[in-house]
Amino acid sequence: SKRIYQTHAYTHEPERKLAYFILEEHNERSSWILPGFDFYVLVFCYYNDNKEVTAVDVQYDQMSFFLHCMGLAQAHAWFVEHVITRIAITWAKAFHMTGL
């Protein structure tokens, strides 16, 4: 298999001595039977006053990986796009019309 990485949403918080970003991993499978899949990783880098990295915390998007392993990733994406998003847009429009 082949892995392709992209970095998204880099954020730096100097007061907390913290920099973090989202790392997207795309996996292309070597077998045509297995579909490729994507998942995201949050990478937190802590540093000291000398700007030396003192700790790295990596948090994986376990839900997308689980959905992929269960064969439900495409169904979940469809449900979010066609059902949840429409409900959220309807609610937002109704809320906006209340003037609150």
C-alpha atoms as a PDB file:
ATOM      1  CA  SER A   1       0.000   0.000   0.000  1.00  0.00           C
ATOM      2  CA  LYS A   2       0.971   3.655  -0.424  1.00  0.00           C
ATOM      3  CA  ARG A   3       0.434   6.462   2.088  1.00  0.00           C
ATOM      4  CA  ILE A   4       0.096  10.126   1.163  1.00  0.00           C
ATOM      5  CA  TYR A   5       0.166  12.828   3.854  1.00  0.00           C
ATOM      6  CA  GLN A   6      -1.150  16.405   3.781  1.00  0.00           C
ATOM      7  CA  THR A   7      -1.069  19.012   6.517  1.00  0.00           C
ATOM      8  CA  HIS A   8      -4.138  21.156   7.244  1.00  0.00           C
ATOM      9  CA  ALA A   9      -5.054  23.920   9.692  1.00  0.00           C
ATOM     10  CA  TYR A  10      -1.747  24.789  11.337  1.00  0.00           C
ATOM     11  CA  THR A  11      -2.261  26.780  14.577  1.00  0.00           C
ATOM     12  CA  HIS A  12       0.331  28.378  16.855  1.00  0.00           C
ATOM     13  CA  GLU A  13      -0.433  29.477  20.412  1.00  0.00           C
ATOM     14  CA  PRO A  14       2.739  31.186  21.728  1.00  0.00           C
ATOM     15  CA  GLU A  15       1.251  31.879  25.189  1.00  0.00           C
ATOM     16  CA  ARG A  16       0.799  28.110  25.680  1.00  0.00           C
ATOM     17  CA  LYS A  17       4.062  27.231  23.867  1.00  0.00           C
ATOM     18  CA  LEU A  18       2.030  25.002  21.591  1.00  0.00           C
ATOM     19  CA  ALA A  19       1.753  24.425  17.858  1.00  0.00           C
ATOM     20  CA  TYR A  20      -0.711  21.954  16.392  1.00  0.00           C
ATOM     21  CA  PHE A  21      -2.032  20.842  13.039  1.00  0.00           C
ATOM     22  CA  ILE A  22      -4.218  18.271  11.346  1.00  0.00           C
ATOM     23  CA  LEU A  23      -2.411  15.612   9.355  1.00  0.00           C
ATOM     24  CA  GLU A  24      -4.487  13.816   6.719  1.00  0.00           C
ATOM     25  CA  GLU A  25      -3.377  10.344   5.743  1.00  0.00           C
ATOM     26  CA  HIS A  26      -4.630   8.815   2.496  1.00  0.00           C
ATOM     27  CA  ASN A  27      -3.991   5.094   2.113  1.00  0.00           C
ATOM     28  CA  GLU A  28      -3.916   3.625  -1.376  1.00  0.00           C
ATOM     29  CA  ARG A  29      -4.166  -0.130  -1.167  1.00  0.00           C
ATOM     30  CA  SER A  30      -1.973  -2.491  -3.157  1.00  0.00           C
ATOM     31  CA  SER A  31      -4.870  -4.878  -3.743  1.00  0.00           C
ATOM     32  CA  TRP A  32      -7.755  -3.814  -5.989  1.00  0.00           C
ATOM     33  CA  ILE A  33     -10.128  -5.637  -3.638  1.00  0.00           C
ATOM     34  CA  LEU A  34      -9.438  -3.266  -0.734  1.00  0.00           C
ATOM     35  CA  PRO A  35     -10.588   0.338  -1.166  1.00  0.00           C
ATOM     36  CA  GLY A  36      -8.357   3.260  -0.286  1.00  0.00           C
ATOM     37  CA  PHE A  37      -9.280   5.268   2.771  1.00  0.00           C
ATOM     38  CA  ASP A  38      -8.508   8.524   4.578  1.00  0.00           C
ATOM     39  CA  PHE A  39      -8.198   9.385   8.215  1.00  0.00           C
ATOM     40  CA  TYR A  40      -7.009  12.356  10.224  1.00  0.00           C
ATOM     41  CA  VAL A  41      -4.476  12.803  12.992  1.00  0.00           C
ATOM     42  CA  LEU A  42      -4.167  15.779  15.353  1.00  0.00           C
ATOM     43  CA  VAL A  43      -0.517  16.516  16.157  1.00  0.00           C
ATOM     44  CA  PHE A  44       0.262  18.731  19.169  1.00  0.00           C
ATOM     45  CA  CYS A  45       3.862  19.966  19.585  1.00  0.00           C
ATOM     46  CA  TYR A  46       4.860  21.550  22.901  1.00  0.00           C
ATOM     47  CA  TYR A  47       8.106  23.511  23.249  1.00  0.00           C
ATOM     48  CA  ASN A  48      10.146  25.310  25.899  1.00  0.00           C
ATOM     49  CA  ASP A  49      11.544  28.876  26.107  1.00  0.00           C
ATOM     50  CA  ASN A  50      14.467  27.866  23.857  1.00  0.00           C
ATOM     51  CA  LYS A  51      11.966  26.792  21.148  1.00  0.00           C
ATOM     52  CA  GLU A  52      12.985  23.149  21.599  1.00  0.00           C
ATOM     53  CA  VAL A  53      10.218  20.581  21.234  1.00  0.00           C
ATOM     54  CA  THR A  54       9.619  19.000  24.633  1.00  0.00           C
ATOM     55  CA  ALA A  55       6.593  16.804  23.893  1.00  0.00           C
ATOM     56  CA  VAL A  56       4.486  15.612  20.987  1.00  0.00           C
ATOM     57  CA  ASP A  57       0.935  14.360  21.460  1.00  0.00           C
ATOM     58  CA  VAL A  58      -0.694  12.494  18.579  1.00  0.00           C
ATOM     59  CA  GLN A  59      -4.439  11.830  18.590  1.00  0.00           C
ATOM     60  CA  TYR A  60      -5.937   9.628  15.896  1.00  0.00           C
ATOM     61  CA  ASP A  61      -9.383   9.970  14.350  1.00  0.00           C
ATOM     62  CA  GLN A  62     -10.507   6.571  15.546  1.00  0.00           C
ATOM     63  CA  MET A  63     -14.065   6.887  14.274  1.00  0.00           C
ATOM     64  CA  SER A  64     -13.109   7.135  10.569  1.00  0.00           C
ATOM     65  CA  PHE A  65     -10.655   4.279  10.900  1.00  0.00           C
ATOM     66  CA  PHE A  66     -13.299   2.132  12.653  1.00  0.00           C
ATOM     67  CA  LEU A  67     -15.937   2.989  10.024  1.00  0.00           C
ATOM     68  CA  HIS A  68     -13.500   2.048   7.263  1.00  0.00           C
ATOM     69  CA  CYS A  69     -12.645  -1.275   8.915  1.00  0.00           C
ATOM     70  CA  MET A  70     -16.339  -2.090   9.279  1.00  0.00           C
ATOM     71  CA  GLY A  71     -17.045  -1.107   5.655  1.00  0.00           C
ATOM     72  CA  LEU A  72     -19.326   1.736   6.750  1.00  0.00           C
ATOM     73  CA  ALA A  73     -17.251   4.807   5.805  1.00  0.00           C
ATOM     74  CA  GLN A  74     -19.117   5.504   2.553  1.00  0.00           C
ATOM     75  CA  ALA A  75     -22.532   5.001   4.187  1.00  0.00           C
ATOM     76  CA  HIS A  76     -21.570   7.345   7.035  1.00  0.00           C
ATOM     77  CA  ALA A  77     -20.368  10.039   4.585  1.00  0.00           C
ATOM     78  CA  TRP A  78     -23.620   9.766   2.594  1.00  0.00           C
ATOM     79  CA  PHE A  79     -25.745   9.975   5.766  1.00  0.00           C
ATOM     80  CA  VAL A  80     -23.906  13.064   7.033  1.00  0.00           C
ATOM     81  CA  GLU A  81     -24.128  14.802   3.641  1.00  0.00           C
ATOM     82  CA  HIS A  82     -27.737  13.982   2.788  1.00  0.00           C
ATOM     83  CA  VAL A  83     -29.464  13.744   6.178  1.00  0.00           C
ATOM     84  CA  ILE A  84     -27.546  15.453   8.979  1.00  0.00           C
ATOM     85  CA  THR A  85     -26.437  18.448   6.881  1.00  0.00           C
ATOM     86  CA  ARG A  86     -30.003  19.087   5.649  1.00  0.00           C
ATOM     87  CA  ILE A  87     -31.328  18.967   9.211  1.00  0.00           C
ATOM     88  CA  ALA A  88     -28.601  21.351  10.374  1.00  0.00           C
ATOM     89  CA  ILE A  89     -29.299  23.810   7.535  1.00  0.00           C
ATOM     90  CA  THR A  90     -33.052  23.745   8.240  1.00  0.00           C
ATOM     91  CA  TRP A  91     -32.428  24.347  11.947  1.00  0.00           C
ATOM     92  CA  ALA A  92     -29.988  27.197  11.185  1.00  0.00           C
ATOM     93  CA  LYS A  93     -32.489  28.894   8.857  1.00  0.00           C
ATOM     94  CA  ALA A  94     -35.273  28.573  11.441  1.00  0.00           C
ATOM     95  CA  PHE A  95     -32.993  29.927  14.180  1.00  0.00           C
ATOM     96  CA  HIS A  96     -31.927  32.844  11.981  1.00  0.00           C
ATOM     97  CA  MET A  97     -35.576  33.729  11.286  1.00  0.00           C
ATOM     98  CA  THR A  98     -36.252  34.044  15.031  1.00  0.00           C
ATOM     99  CA  GLY A  99     -33.849  36.999  15.172  1.00  0.00           C
ATOM    100  CA  LEU A 100     -32.057  35.774  18.276  1.00  0.00           C
END
